[in-house]
Amino acid sequence: MLLDTRYNELTRQVIGCAMQVHRQLGNGFPEVVYQRSLAVEFEEAGLPFQREVVMPVFYKNIEVGSRRVDFLVADVVLVELKALNELTAVHFAQTINYLEAYQLEIGLLLNFGEPSLRYKRFLKNQPRPLTPS
């Protein structure tokens, strides 16, 4: 299996911004506080992003609805935020499902609710994890 490295630099920058937010705020705030703070970091880093973007949901290439995503960075990276005590396999499956439904290739799941920032990078066609890593 070939490793897809096209988005490594962009996802590295997003994760770096998230680490800065977590370093400043720690855990314990509602998700919206992290979302607003991450937007500040994206601005300072010069990353092109959209916050709370309404994205179409596709089923068999037919648009069947829409849902808001936390961030869309550079029109290619889905960024889903959580502020939970721990992530579960359901959160991982949800992120992979979003990539499929939104017809995007790359996504990041960021959890600010733990003592250290937890993040996971997802590719649209990667196998679904059974348990959080």
Protein backbone atom coordinates (compact mmCIF):
# COMPACT_ATOMS: atom_id res chain seq x y z
CA MET A 1 0.00 0.00 0.00
CA LEU A 2 1.43 3.37 -0.99
CA LEU A 3 1.40 6.13 1.61
CA ASP A 4 -0.51 9.24 0.54
CA THR A 5 1.68 12.21 1.45
CA ARG A 6 0.02 14.97 -0.61
CA TYR A 7 -1.48 16.70 2.41
CA ASN A 8 1.25 16.10 5.00
CA GLU A 9 2.45 19.71 5.20
CA LEU A 10 -1.07 21.13 5.38
CA THR A 11 -2.21 18.68 8.06
CA ARG A 12 1.03 19.30 9.98
CA GLN A 13 0.23 23.03 10.03
CA VAL A 14 -3.34 22.40 11.21
CA ILE A 15 -2.13 20.09 13.99
CA GLY A 16 0.48 22.67 15.00
CA CYS A 17 -2.23 25.33 15.32
CA ALA A 18 -4.34 22.94 17.40
CA MET A 19 -1.36 22.19 19.67
CA GLN A 20 -0.88 25.90 20.24
CA VAL A 21 -4.53 26.29 21.25
CA HIS A 22 -4.32 23.30 23.62
CA ARG A 23 -1.05 24.59 25.09
CA GLN A 24 -2.73 27.94 25.87
CA LEU A 25 -6.14 26.73 27.05
CA GLY A 26 -5.61 23.17 28.24
CA ASN A 27 -8.66 20.92 28.44
CA GLY A 28 -12.05 21.58 30.04
CA PHE A 29 -13.64 24.21 27.79
CA PRO A 30 -16.66 23.67 25.51
CA GLU A 31 -15.92 22.76 21.91
CA VAL A 32 -16.96 26.21 20.63
CA VAL A 33 -14.15 27.88 22.63
CA TYR A 34 -11.59 25.66 20.92
CA GLN A 35 -13.23 26.26 17.55
CA ARG A 36 -13.02 30.04 17.91
CA SER A 37 -9.45 29.85 19.22
CA LEU A 38 -8.38 27.57 16.39
CA ALA A 39 -9.79 30.08 13.90
CA VAL A 40 -7.50 32.72 15.46
CA GLU A 41 -4.50 30.40 15.05
CA PHE A 42 -5.41 29.60 11.43
CA GLU A 43 -5.61 33.34 10.69
CA GLU A 44 -2.21 33.98 12.29
CA ALA A 45 -0.68 31.07 10.38
CA GLY A 46 -2.11 32.33 7.09
CA LEU A 47 -4.06 29.12 6.48
CA PRO A 48 -7.08 29.50 4.20
CA PHE A 49 -10.11 28.11 6.02
CA GLN A 50 -13.85 28.24 6.37
CA ARG A 51 -15.61 27.70 9.70
CA GLU A 52 -18.96 25.92 10.14
CA VAL A 53 -19.27 25.29 6.43
CA VAL A 54 -22.51 23.77 5.21
CA MET A 55 -21.39 20.84 3.08
CA PRO A 56 -23.59 18.73 0.82
CA VAL A 57 -23.95 15.07 1.80
CA PHE A 58 -23.82 12.60 -1.09
CA TYR A 59 -25.20 9.10 -1.40
CA LYS A 60 -24.27 7.24 -4.59
CA ASN A 61 -23.13 10.57 -6.04
CA ILE A 62 -26.56 12.12 -5.41
CA GLU A 63 -26.88 15.03 -2.99
CA VAL A 64 -29.23 13.89 -0.21
CA GLY A 65 -28.77 16.58 2.41
CA SER A 66 -26.25 18.79 4.12
CA ARG A 67 -24.39 19.16 7.39
CA ARG A 68 -22.09 21.74 8.95
CA VAL A 69 -18.44 20.84 9.34
CA ASP A 70 -16.28 22.51 11.97
CA PHE A 71 -13.60 23.59 9.48
CA LEU A 72 -12.66 23.12 5.88
CA VAL A 73 -9.00 24.09 5.42
CA ALA A 74 -7.69 25.03 1.97
CA ASP A 75 -10.89 23.54 0.49
CA VAL A 76 -9.48 20.02 0.97
CA VAL A 77 -8.99 19.13 4.66
CA LEU A 78 -12.03 18.38 6.81
CA VAL A 79 -11.30 19.27 10.45
CA GLU A 80 -13.66 17.83 13.03
CA LEU A 81 -13.33 19.06 16.63
CA LYS A 82 -14.25 17.34 19.87
CA ALA A 83 -13.85 18.30 23.53
CA LEU A 84 -14.41 14.90 25.12
CA ASN A 85 -12.76 12.90 27.89
CA GLU A 86 -11.84 10.29 25.29
CA LEU A 87 -12.44 9.41 21.67
CA THR A 88 -14.11 6.16 20.68
CA ALA A 89 -14.26 4.08 17.52
CA VAL A 90 -17.61 5.77 16.80
CA HIS A 91 -15.86 9.15 16.43
CA PHE A 92 -13.33 7.60 14.06
CA ALA A 93 -16.05 5.96 11.96
CA GLN A 94 -17.98 9.25 11.93
CA THR A 95 -14.99 11.13 10.50
CA ILE A 96 -14.41 8.51 7.81
CA ASN A 97 -18.13 8.57 6.96
CA TYR A 98 -17.99 12.37 6.63
CA LEU A 99 -15.14 12.10 4.13
CA GLU A 100 -17.19 9.72 2.02
CA ALA A 101 -20.41 11.71 2.30
CA TYR A 102 -18.70 15.04 1.52
CA GLN A 103 -16.53 13.54 -1.21
CA LEU A 104 -13.31 14.74 0.46
CA GLU A 105 -10.05 12.80 0.62
CA ILE A 106 -8.45 13.89 3.91
CA GLY A 107 -9.69 14.66 7.40
CA LEU A 108 -8.41 15.42 10.86
CA LEU A 109 -10.16 14.60 14.12
CA LEU A 110 -8.91 16.85 16.94
CA ASN A 111 -9.84 16.25 20.58
CA PHE A 112 -9.16 19.07 23.03
CA GLY A 113 -10.84 17.35 25.99
CA GLU A 114 -7.89 15.24 27.10
CA PRO A 115 -4.84 16.42 29.10
CA SER A 116 -2.82 16.38 25.84
CA LEU A 117 -4.22 17.21 22.41
CA ARG A 118 -5.29 14.03 20.68
CA TYR A 119 -5.45 13.95 16.89
CA LYS A 120 -5.95 11.43 14.13
CA ARG A 121 -5.48 11.83 10.38
CA PHE A 122 -7.91 10.02 8.09
CA LEU A 123 -7.82 9.22 4.40
CA LYS A 124 -11.09 8.57 2.62
CA ASN A 125 -10.31 5.00 1.57
CA GLN A 126 -8.36 3.82 4.60
CA PRO A 127 -9.62 0.83 6.58
CA ARG A 128 -11.91 1.71 9.48
CA PRO A 129 -10.22 1.37 12.87
CA LEU A 130 -11.92 -0.96 15.29
CA THR A 131 -10.57 0.78 18.37
CA PRO A 132 -9.05 4.19 19.06
CA SER A 133 -5.27 4.24 18.76
